[in-house]
Amino acid sequence: MASTLTRSLGFSSLRVASSSSVTAAKCSTHHVLKRTFSVSSPALARRTKSVMEEYLTDDDLFTLMTEQENVTDSPVLGHKMLQAQREVLHYMRLIEHEMPKLVAYRQPFIPPSSQETPLVVRSIEYLGEYHPAASKRSITVAVDSLPLKDAKAIHKFKLIAGPRWTPNPPKDAGVCEHEVWQNGNGYFKISCDTFSSPEMNAKWASDALDRLIKEANEGQESFEGLPLDLRHVYSRSRKAKKGDHLRNRPLNPVSVKDFPKEWLPQSQPEAQTQATTQA
């Protein structure tokens, strides 16, 4: 069929022979097995010698190993080490030469008294790390240090303060333990973390304290006949489980002072004196 087609088209016999041979070659390729590169053994594909060994002679390799490079600068890591040493030396020079000059500005430390600075503002810092509690501000103050006009105003302030008033200072208020029973009207603590700015939280707590003081001094109702609510004090004592809640005495726990003096053993001279007195 191919020869008939070529004769009708006018091709030579050479073209026919070549086309028939190509057709036979194509048919024969279907019976040849091929191995792709992806399934060949890695040992057949890897190099037996490095690139340097293939293209360099023994003399060239010896020259590269024995010749010293003409390096005029250190690498990046060396520059970083030198920079760190320069910073250390800079601060050492400041300590040696500049720090002694600060002696002229030295002043003795005088701790502030509770009368001059009655407010204690407490904050929390996380050493540069962001934390939501870092903006919180707490204010603690003794009730006796507040500008309340009389005993009725003090009693009303305790009532309207609610659980924010305690007869003893809070543990985290920064108040010295020796001032616990120095003033008998207790301490007031208020905190705020509503705003993102620490200054706004401190301002809100300060304004709330001012409103309570104004209401205690100028309010129409005095609430003189209402007793103080100490349920929050009892609850904290029970949760602490340190023995202060025993025998319903959270503010005055049982101690050696409650032991009856007449039960104590008496010395011999005192016993003779009492016997003589009774006789």
C-alpha atoms as a PDB file:
ATOM      1  CA  MET A   1       0.000   0.000   0.000  1.00  0.00           C
ATOM      2  CA  ALA A   2       2.891   2.286   0.761  1.00  0.00           C
ATOM      3  CA  SER A   3       4.517   1.546  -2.628  1.00  0.00           C
ATOM      4  CA  THR A   4       1.283   2.214  -4.502  1.00  0.00           C
ATOM      5  CA  LEU A   5       0.868   5.498  -2.669  1.00  0.00           C
ATOM      6  CA  THR A   6       4.411   6.576  -3.478  1.00  0.00           C
ATOM      7  CA  ARG A   7       4.080   5.726  -7.136  1.00  0.00           C
ATOM      8  CA  SER A   8       0.897   7.712  -7.390  1.00  0.00           C
ATOM      9  CA  LEU A   9       2.521  10.659  -5.709  1.00  0.00           C
ATOM     10  CA  GLY A  10       5.711  10.413  -7.769  1.00  0.00           C
ATOM     11  CA  PHE A  11       8.277   9.631  -5.001  1.00  0.00           C
ATOM     12  CA  SER A  12      11.363   7.582  -5.790  1.00  0.00           C
ATOM     13  CA  SER A  13      12.053   4.049  -4.643  1.00  0.00           C
ATOM     14  CA  LEU A  14      14.714   5.327  -2.244  1.00  0.00           C
ATOM     15  CA  ARG A  15      12.155   7.288  -0.325  1.00  0.00           C
ATOM     16  CA  VAL A  16       9.949   4.206  -0.134  1.00  0.00           C
ATOM     17  CA  ALA A  17      12.748   2.072   1.184  1.00  0.00           C
ATOM     18  CA  SER A  18      13.696   4.599   3.804  1.00  0.00           C
ATOM     19  CA  SER A  19      10.099   4.985   4.971  1.00  0.00           C
ATOM     20  CA  SER A  20       9.647   1.239   5.216  1.00  0.00           C
ATOM     21  CA  SER A  21      12.860   0.898   7.200  1.00  0.00           C
ATOM     22  CA  VAL A  22      11.751   3.631   9.621  1.00  0.00           C
ATOM     23  CA  THR A  23       8.420   1.866  10.088  1.00  0.00           C
ATOM     24  CA  ALA A  24      10.202  -1.391  10.841  1.00  0.00           C
ATOM     25  CA  ALA A  25      12.522   0.347  13.305  1.00  0.00           C
ATOM     26  CA  LYS A  26       9.570   1.868  15.112  1.00  0.00           C
ATOM     27  CA  CYS A  27       7.893  -1.503  15.370  1.00  0.00           C
ATOM     28  CA  SER A  28      11.050  -3.083  16.724  1.00  0.00           C
ATOM     29  CA  THR A  29      11.419  -0.464  19.506  1.00  0.00           C
ATOM     30  CA  HIS A  30       8.315  -1.746  21.247  1.00  0.00           C
ATOM     31  CA  HIS A  31      10.156  -4.932  22.178  1.00  0.00           C
ATOM     32  CA  VAL A  32      13.257  -3.165  23.686  1.00  0.00           C
ATOM     33  CA  LEU A  33      13.347  -2.809  27.526  1.00  0.00           C
ATOM     34  CA  LYS A  34      14.528   0.553  28.833  1.00  0.00           C
ATOM     35  CA  ARG A  35      15.678   1.592  32.347  1.00  0.00           C
ATOM     36  CA  THR A  36      14.900   5.135  33.385  1.00  0.00           C
ATOM     37  CA  PHE A  37      17.358   7.204  35.375  1.00  0.00           C
ATOM     38  CA  SER A  38      15.012   7.418  38.376  1.00  0.00           C
ATOM     39  CA  VAL A  39      15.124   3.640  38.984  1.00  0.00           C
ATOM     40  CA  SER A  40      18.799   3.128  38.195  1.00  0.00           C
ATOM     41  CA  SER A  41      21.249   2.228  40.959  1.00  0.00           C
ATOM     42  CA  PRO A  42      22.773   5.192  42.841  1.00  0.00           C
ATOM     43  CA  ALA A  43      26.164   3.554  42.482  1.00  0.00           C
ATOM     44  CA  LEU A  44      25.971   4.019  38.709  1.00  0.00           C
ATOM     45  CA  ALA A  45      25.083   7.711  38.961  1.00  0.00           C
ATOM     46  CA  ARG A  46      27.458   9.012  41.640  1.00  0.00           C
ATOM     47  CA  ARG A  47      30.956  10.307  41.023  1.00  0.00           C
ATOM     48  CA  THR A  48      33.933   8.129  41.755  1.00  0.00           C
ATOM     49  CA  LYS A  49      36.201  11.164  41.997  1.00  0.00           C
ATOM     50  CA  SER A  50      35.676  14.718  43.069  1.00  0.00           C
ATOM     51  CA  VAL A  51      35.655  17.569  40.594  1.00  0.00           C
ATOM     52  CA  MET A  52      38.992  18.804  41.876  1.00  0.00           C
ATOM     53  CA  GLU A  53      40.619  15.383  41.421  1.00  0.00           C
ATOM     54  CA  GLU A  54      39.281  15.067  37.892  1.00  0.00           C
ATOM     55  CA  TYR A  55      40.506  18.436  36.626  1.00  0.00           C
ATOM     56  CA  LEU A  56      43.600  19.108  38.771  1.00  0.00           C
ATOM     57  CA  THR A  57      46.934  17.379  38.676  1.00  0.00           C
ATOM     58  CA  ASP A  58      48.994  16.300  41.678  1.00  0.00           C
ATOM     59  CA  ASP A  59      51.188  19.384  41.392  1.00  0.00           C
ATOM     60  CA  ASP A  60      48.151  21.677  41.453  1.00  0.00           C
ATOM     61  CA  LEU A  61      46.785  19.952  44.566  1.00  0.00           C
ATOM     62  CA  PHE A  62      50.137  20.240  46.336  1.00  0.00           C
ATOM     63  CA  THR A  63      50.315  23.936  45.496  1.00  0.00           C
ATOM     64  CA  LEU A  64      46.826  24.571  46.889  1.00  0.00           C
ATOM     65  CA  MET A  65      47.594  22.738  50.144  1.00  0.00           C
ATOM     66  CA  THR A  66      50.979  24.375  50.808  1.00  0.00           C
ATOM     67  CA  GLU A  67      50.413  27.907  49.526  1.00  0.00           C
ATOM     68  CA  GLN A  68      49.360  30.478  52.153  1.00  0.00           C
ATOM     69  CA  GLU A  69      46.504  32.783  51.233  1.00  0.00           C
ATOM     70  CA  ASN A  70      47.134  36.496  51.248  1.00  0.00           C
ATOM     71  CA  VAL A  71      44.228  37.461  53.554  1.00  0.00           C
ATOM     72  CA  THR A  72      44.077  41.174  54.360  1.00  0.00           C
ATOM     73  CA  ASP A  73      40.848  41.163  56.462  1.00  0.00           C
ATOM     74  CA  SER A  74      39.121  38.950  59.025  1.00  0.00           C
ATOM     75  CA  PRO A  75      35.729  37.322  58.399  1.00  0.00           C
ATOM     76  CA  VAL A  76      32.393  38.667  59.634  1.00  0.00           C
ATOM     77  CA  LEU A  77      32.473  36.574  62.816  1.00  0.00           C
ATOM     78  CA  GLY A  78      35.840  38.049  63.727  1.00  0.00           C
ATOM     79  CA  HIS A  79      34.486  41.591  63.339  1.00  0.00           C
ATOM     80  CA  LYS A  80      31.534  40.748  65.621  1.00  0.00           C
ATOM     81  CA  MET A  81      33.869  39.426  68.310  1.00  0.00           C
ATOM     82  CA  LEU A  82      35.972  42.575  68.101  1.00  0.00           C
ATOM     83  CA  GLN A  83      32.855  44.755  68.354  1.00  0.00           C
ATOM     84  CA  ALA A  84      31.727  42.902  71.494  1.00  0.00           C
ATOM     85  CA  GLN A  85      35.154  43.435  73.062  1.00  0.00           C
ATOM     86  CA  ARG A  86      35.007  47.142  72.195  1.00  0.00           C
ATOM     87  CA  GLU A  87      31.629  47.491  73.953  1.00  0.00           C
ATOM     88  CA  VAL A  88      32.942  45.762  77.078  1.00  0.00           C
ATOM     89  CA  LEU A  89      36.013  47.995  77.134  1.00  0.00           C
ATOM     90  CA  HIS A  90      33.821  51.080  76.651  1.00  0.00           C
ATOM     91  CA  TYR A  91      31.735  50.325  79.736  1.00  0.00           C
ATOM     92  CA  MET A  92      34.816  49.362  81.734  1.00  0.00           C
ATOM     93  CA  ARG A  93      36.316  52.776  80.952  1.00  0.00           C
ATOM     94  CA  LEU A  94      33.079  54.457  82.061  1.00  0.00           C
ATOM     95  CA  ILE A  95      33.157  52.560  85.365  1.00  0.00           C
ATOM     96  CA  GLU A  96      36.798  53.404  85.918  1.00  0.00           C
ATOM     97  CA  HIS A  97      36.817  57.084  84.940  1.00  0.00           C
ATOM     98  CA  GLU A  98      33.227  58.431  85.047  1.00  0.00           C
ATOM     99  CA  MET A  99      31.598  56.627  87.978  1.00  0.00           C
ATOM    100  CA  PRO A 100      33.813  58.262  90.653  1.00  0.00           C
ATOM    101  CA  LYS A 101      32.521  61.654  89.505  1.00  0.00           C
ATOM    102  CA  LEU A 102      28.995  60.737  90.655  1.00  0.00           C
ATOM    103  CA  VAL A 103      30.105  60.843  94.299  1.00  0.00           C
ATOM    104  CA  ALA A 104      29.558  64.606  94.245  1.00  0.00           C
ATOM    105  CA  TYR A 105      25.816  64.029  93.669  1.00  0.00           C
ATOM    106  CA  ARG A 106      25.372  61.406  96.378  1.00  0.00           C
ATOM    107  CA  GLN A 107      22.561  62.024  98.888  1.00  0.00           C
ATOM    108  CA  PRO A 108      21.486  60.043 101.934  1.00  0.00           C
ATOM    109  CA  PHE A 109      18.341  57.961 101.539  1.00  0.00           C
ATOM    110  CA  ILE A 110      15.478  59.026 103.791  1.00  0.00           C
ATOM    111  CA  PRO A 111      12.500  56.656 103.605  1.00  0.00           C
ATOM    112  CA  PRO A 112       9.167  58.460 103.228  1.00  0.00           C
ATOM    113  CA  SER A 113       6.896  58.496 106.248  1.00  0.00           C
ATOM    114  CA  SER A 114       3.276  57.424 106.235  1.00  0.00           C
ATOM    115  CA  GLN A 115       2.131  60.953 107.156  1.00  0.00           C
ATOM    116  CA  GLU A 116       3.822  62.618 104.185  1.00  0.00           C
ATOM    117  CA  THR A 117       2.996  59.975 101.582  1.00  0.00           C
ATOM    118  CA  PRO A 118       0.006  57.967 102.826  1.00  0.00           C
ATOM    119  CA  LEU A 119      -0.882  56.512  99.415  1.00  0.00           C
ATOM    120  CA  VAL A 120       0.922  53.358  98.273  1.00  0.00           C
ATOM    121  CA  VAL A 121       0.614  52.782  94.504  1.00  0.00           C
ATOM    122  CA  ARG A 122       1.571  49.273  93.435  1.00  0.00           C
ATOM    123  CA  SER A 123       2.413  48.146  89.888  1.00  0.00           C
ATOM    124  CA  ILE A 124       3.664  44.981  88.167  1.00  0.00           C
ATOM    125  CA  GLU A 125       6.497  44.852  85.642  1.00  0.00           C
ATOM    126  CA  TYR A 126       7.656  41.917  83.514  1.00  0.00           C
ATOM    127  CA  LEU A 127      11.104  43.265  82.511  1.00  0.00           C
ATOM    128  CA  GLY A 128      10.210  44.440  79.027  1.00  0.00           C
ATOM    129  CA  GLU A 129       7.851  41.578  78.223  1.00  0.00           C
ATOM    130  CA  TYR A 130       4.298  42.503  77.268  1.00  0.00           C
ATOM    131  CA  HIS A 131       1.647  41.297  79.701  1.00  0.00           C
ATOM    132  CA  PRO A 132      -1.958  42.462  80.238  1.00  0.00           C
ATOM    133  CA  ALA A 133      -1.394  42.769  83.998  1.00  0.00           C
ATOM    134  CA  ALA A 134       1.402  45.321  83.497  1.00  0.00           C
ATOM    135  CA  SER A 135      -1.128  48.153  83.153  1.00  0.00           C
ATOM    136  CA  LYS A 136      -2.883  47.355  86.444  1.00  0.00           C
ATOM    137  CA  ARG A 137      -2.510  49.839  89.321  1.00  0.00           C
ATOM    138  CA  SER A 138      -3.475  49.354  92.981  1.00  0.00           C
ATOM    139  CA  ILE A 139      -3.824  52.022  95.675  1.00  0.00           C
ATOM    140  CA  THR A 140      -3.569  51.202  99.389  1.00  0.00           C
ATOM    141  CA  VAL A 141      -4.015  53.747 102.171  1.00  0.00           C
ATOM    142  CA  ALA A 142      -4.685  53.758 105.898  1.00  0.00           C
ATOM    143  CA  VAL A 143      -8.130  55.047 106.823  1.00  0.00           C
ATOM    144  CA  ASP A 144      -6.647  57.252 109.558  1.00  0.00           C
ATOM    145  CA  SER A 145      -4.555  59.035 106.901  1.00  0.00           C
ATOM    146  CA  LEU A 146      -7.631  60.066 104.886  1.00  0.00           C
ATOM    147  CA  PRO A 147      -9.205  63.533 105.334  1.00  0.00           C
ATOM    148  CA  LEU A 148     -12.343  62.315 107.157  1.00  0.00           C
ATOM    149  CA  LYS A 149     -13.918  64.883 109.455  1.00  0.00           C
ATOM    150  CA  ASP A 150     -15.120  62.777 112.406  1.00  0.00           C
ATOM    151  CA  ALA A 151     -15.811  59.261 113.698  1.00  0.00           C
ATOM    152  CA  LYS A 152     -19.176  59.109 111.894  1.00  0.00           C
ATOM    153  CA  ALA A 153     -17.469  59.809 108.567  1.00  0.00           C
ATOM    154  CA  ILE A 154     -14.885  57.094 109.297  1.00  0.00           C
ATOM    155  CA  HIS A 155     -17.620  54.573 110.107  1.00  0.00           C
ATOM    156  CA  LYS A 156     -19.548  55.478 106.956  1.00  0.00           C
ATOM    157  CA  PHE A 157     -16.408  55.193 104.842  1.00  0.00           C
ATOM    158  CA  LYS A 158     -15.846  51.648 106.116  1.00  0.00           C
ATOM    159  CA  LEU A 159     -19.430  50.715 105.275  1.00  0.00           C
ATOM    160  CA  ILE A 160     -19.482  52.097 101.735  1.00  0.00           C
ATOM    161  CA  ALA A 161     -16.000  50.699 100.997  1.00  0.00           C
ATOM    162  CA  GLY A 162     -17.328  47.149 101.429  1.00  0.00           C
ATOM    163  CA  PRO A 163     -14.781  44.333 100.974  1.00  0.00           C
ATOM    164  CA  ARG A 164     -12.124  46.842  99.908  1.00  0.00           C
ATOM    165  CA  TRP A 165     -11.716  47.761 103.568  1.00  0.00           C
ATOM    166  CA  THR A 166      -9.822  45.421 105.896  1.00  0.00           C
ATOM    167  CA  PRO A 167      -8.820  45.874 109.542  1.00  0.00           C
ATOM    168  CA  ASN A 168      -5.242  44.847 108.705  1.00  0.00           C
ATOM    169  CA  PRO A 169      -3.151  45.824 105.658  1.00  0.00           C
ATOM    170  CA  PRO A 170      -3.137  43.496 102.626  1.00  0.00           C
ATOM    171  CA  LYS A 171      -0.138  41.220 102.173  1.00  0.00           C
ATOM    172  CA  ASP A 172       0.866  42.764  98.842  1.00  0.00           C
ATOM    173  CA  ALA A 173       0.230  46.400  99.811  1.00  0.00           C
ATOM    174  CA  GLY A 174       3.828  47.267 100.674  1.00  0.00           C
ATOM    175  CA  VAL A 175       2.893  48.373 104.206  1.00  0.00           C
ATOM    176  CA  CYS A 176       5.225  47.496 107.062  1.00  0.00           C
ATOM    177  CA  GLU A 177       3.977  44.740 109.372  1.00  0.00           C
ATOM    178  CA  HIS A 178       4.718  46.869 112.442  1.00  0.00           C
ATOM    179  CA  GLU A 179       1.964  49.290 111.399  1.00  0.00           C
ATOM    180  CA  VAL A 180      -0.761  46.642 111.483  1.00  0.00           C
ATOM    181  CA  TRP A 181      -2.308  47.657 114.822  1.00  0.00           C
ATOM    182  CA  GLN A 182      -0.841  51.141 115.040  1.00  0.00           C
ATOM    183  CA  ASN A 183      -4.081  52.634 113.715  1.00  0.00           C
ATOM    184  CA  GLY A 184      -7.326  50.964 114.664  1.00  0.00           C
ATOM    185  CA  ASN A 185      -9.395  51.916 111.597  1.00  0.00           C
ATOM    186  CA  GLY A 186      -7.815  49.530 109.105  1.00  0.00           C
ATOM    187  CA  TYR A 187      -6.751  49.969 105.506  1.00  0.00           C
ATOM    188  CA  PHE A 188      -8.457  50.596 102.181  1.00  0.00           C
ATOM    189  CA  LYS A 189      -7.335  49.079  98.868  1.00  0.00           C
ATOM    190  CA  ILE A 190      -8.691  49.635  95.365  1.00  0.00           C
ATOM    191  CA  SER A 191      -7.287  48.545  91.995  1.00  0.00           C
ATOM    192  CA  CYS A 192      -8.137  48.988  88.319  1.00  0.00           C
ATOM    193  CA  ASP A 193      -7.060  47.212  85.121  1.00  0.00           C
ATOM    194  CA  THR A 194      -9.896  48.258  82.802  1.00  0.00           C
ATOM    195  CA  PHE A 195      -7.878  50.635  80.632  1.00  0.00           C
ATOM    196  CA  SER A 196      -4.817  49.870  78.527  1.00  0.00           C
ATOM    197  CA  SER A 197      -2.835  52.788  79.953  1.00  0.00           C
ATOM    198  CA  PRO A 198      -1.387  52.502  83.497  1.00  0.00           C
ATOM    199  CA  GLU A 199      -1.913  56.212  84.080  1.00  0.00           C
ATOM    200  CA  MET A 200      -5.628  55.941  83.281  1.00  0.00           C
ATOM    201  CA  ASN A 201      -6.023  53.013  85.695  1.00  0.00           C
ATOM    202  CA  ALA A 202      -4.267  54.931  88.475  1.00  0.00           C
ATOM    203  CA  LYS A 203      -6.409  58.010  87.752  1.00  0.00           C
ATOM    204  CA  TRP A 204      -9.634  55.985  87.934  1.00  0.00           C
ATOM    205  CA  ALA A 205      -8.644  54.428  91.276  1.00  0.00           C
ATOM    206  CA  SER A 206      -7.685  57.847  92.669  1.00  0.00           C
ATOM    207  CA  ASP A 207     -10.977  59.394  91.517  1.00  0.00           C
ATOM    208  CA  ALA A 208     -12.950  56.522  93.075  1.00  0.00           C
ATOM    209  CA  LEU A 209     -11.179  57.123  96.397  1.00  0.00           C
ATOM    210  CA  ASP A 210     -11.995  60.845  96.201  1.00  0.00           C
ATOM    211  CA  ARG A 211     -15.677  60.078  95.571  1.00  0.00           C
ATOM    212  CA  LEU A 212     -15.820  57.773  98.606  1.00  0.00           C
ATOM    213  CA  ILE A 213     -14.225  60.423 100.835  1.00  0.00           C
ATOM    214  CA  LYS A 214     -16.639  63.078  99.574  1.00  0.00           C
ATOM    215  CA  GLU A 215     -19.650  60.832 100.179  1.00  0.00           C
ATOM    216  CA  ALA A 216     -18.451  59.952 103.686  1.00  0.00           C
ATOM    217  CA  ASN A 217     -17.991  63.616 104.632  1.00  0.00           C
ATOM    218  CA  GLU A 218     -20.937  65.246 102.855  1.00  0.00           C
ATOM    219  CA  GLY A 219     -23.541  62.518 102.562  1.00  0.00           C
ATOM    220  CA  GLN A 220     -26.946  62.973 104.184  1.00  0.00           C
ATOM    221  CA  GLU A 221     -27.129  59.454 105.592  1.00  0.00           C
ATOM    222  CA  SER A 222     -24.583  58.636 108.289  1.00  0.00           C
ATOM    223  CA  PHE A 223     -25.458  54.917 108.762  1.00  0.00           C
ATOM    224  CA  GLU A 224     -24.427  55.285 112.361  1.00  0.00           C
ATOM    225  CA  GLY A 225     -26.549  52.383 113.588  1.00  0.00           C
ATOM    226  CA  LEU A 226     -25.293  49.806 111.036  1.00  0.00           C
ATOM    227  CA  PRO A 227     -22.512  47.438 112.162  1.00  0.00           C
ATOM    228  CA  LEU A 228     -19.467  46.682 110.046  1.00  0.00           C
ATOM    229  CA  ASP A 229     -19.671  43.713 107.686  1.00  0.00           C
ATOM    230  CA  LEU A 230     -16.659  41.438 108.309  1.00  0.00           C
ATOM    231  CA  ARG A 231     -17.757  38.432 106.281  1.00  0.00           C
ATOM    232  CA  HIS A 232     -14.989  38.958 103.722  1.00  0.00           C
ATOM    233  CA  VAL A 233     -12.417  38.971 106.534  1.00  0.00           C
ATOM    234  CA  TYR A 234     -13.742  35.698 107.953  1.00  0.00           C
ATOM    235  CA  SER A 235     -13.822  34.118 104.503  1.00  0.00           C
ATOM    236  CA  ARG A 236     -10.175  34.968 103.815  1.00  0.00           C
ATOM    237  CA  SER A 237      -9.146  33.577 107.210  1.00  0.00           C
ATOM    238  CA  ARG A 238     -10.958  30.308 106.534  1.00  0.00           C
ATOM    239  CA  LYS A 239      -9.412  29.953 103.070  1.00  0.00           C
ATOM    240  CA  ALA A 240      -5.905  30.631 104.403  1.00  0.00           C
ATOM    241  CA  LYS A 241      -6.232  27.741 106.923  1.00  0.00           C
ATOM    242  CA  LYS A 242      -3.579  29.127 109.244  1.00  0.00           C
ATOM    243  CA  GLY A 243      -5.563  28.783 112.470  1.00  0.00           C
ATOM    244  CA  ASP A 244      -6.795  32.373 112.611  1.00  0.00           C
ATOM    245  CA  HIS A 245     -10.389  31.271 112.034  1.00  0.00           C
ATOM    246  CA  LEU A 246     -10.517  28.980 115.082  1.00  0.00           C
ATOM    247  CA  ARG A 247     -12.965  29.845 117.876  1.00  0.00           C
ATOM    248  CA  ASN A 248     -14.427  32.637 115.729  1.00  0.00           C
ATOM    249  CA  ARG A 249     -11.482  34.972 116.389  1.00  0.00           C
ATOM    250  CA  PRO A 250     -10.056  35.889 112.971  1.00  0.00           C
ATOM    251  CA  LEU A 251      -8.623  39.218 114.084  1.00  0.00           C
ATOM    252  CA  ASN A 252      -7.313  38.049 117.454  1.00  0.00           C
ATOM    253  CA  PRO A 253      -6.186  34.404 117.167  1.00  0.00           C
ATOM    254  CA  VAL A 254      -5.586  32.239 120.206  1.00  0.00           C
ATOM    255  CA  SER A 255      -2.045  32.556 121.589  1.00  0.00           C
ATOM    256  CA  VAL A 256      -0.062  32.144 124.814  1.00  0.00           C
ATOM    257  CA  LYS A 257      -1.565  35.384 126.122  1.00  0.00           C
ATOM    258  CA  ASP A 258      -4.900  33.596 126.551  1.00  0.00           C
ATOM    259  CA  PHE A 259      -3.452  31.025 128.978  1.00  0.00           C
ATOM    260  CA  PRO A 260      -4.856  31.588 132.530  1.00  0.00           C
ATOM    261  CA  LYS A 261      -2.253  33.111 134.796  1.00  0.00           C
ATOM    262  CA  GLU A 262      -3.562  31.221 137.833  1.00  0.00           C
ATOM    263  CA  TRP A 263      -2.658  27.947 136.119  1.00  0.00           C
ATOM    264  CA  LEU A 264       1.001  28.873 135.832  1.00  0.00           C
ATOM    265  CA  PRO A 265       3.395  27.237 138.359  1.00  0.00           C
ATOM    266  CA  GLN A 266       4.445  29.594 141.130  1.00  0.00           C
ATOM    267  CA  SER A 267       7.914  29.894 142.590  1.00  0.00           C
ATOM    268  CA  GLN A 268       8.590  28.996 146.280  1.00  0.00           C
ATOM    269  CA  PRO A 269       8.861  32.581 147.689  1.00  0.00           C
ATOM    270  CA  GLU A 270       5.589  33.572 146.039  1.00  0.00           C
ATOM    271  CA  ALA A 271       3.851  30.448 147.416  1.00  0.00           C
ATOM    272  CA  GLN A 272       5.049  31.223 150.952  1.00  0.00           C
ATOM    273  CA  THR A 273       3.881  34.817 150.643  1.00  0.00           C
ATOM    274  CA  GLN A 274       0.418  33.750 149.512  1.00  0.00           C
ATOM    275  CA  ALA A 275       0.184  31.181 152.348  1.00  0.00           C
ATOM    276  CA  THR A 276       1.153  33.826 154.921  1.00  0.00           C
ATOM    277  CA  THR A 277      -1.391  36.241 153.492  1.00  0.00           C
ATOM    278  CA  GLN A 278      -4.172  33.661 153.631  1.00  0.00           C
ATOM    279  CA  ALA A 279      -3.234  32.722 157.216  1.00  0.00           C
END
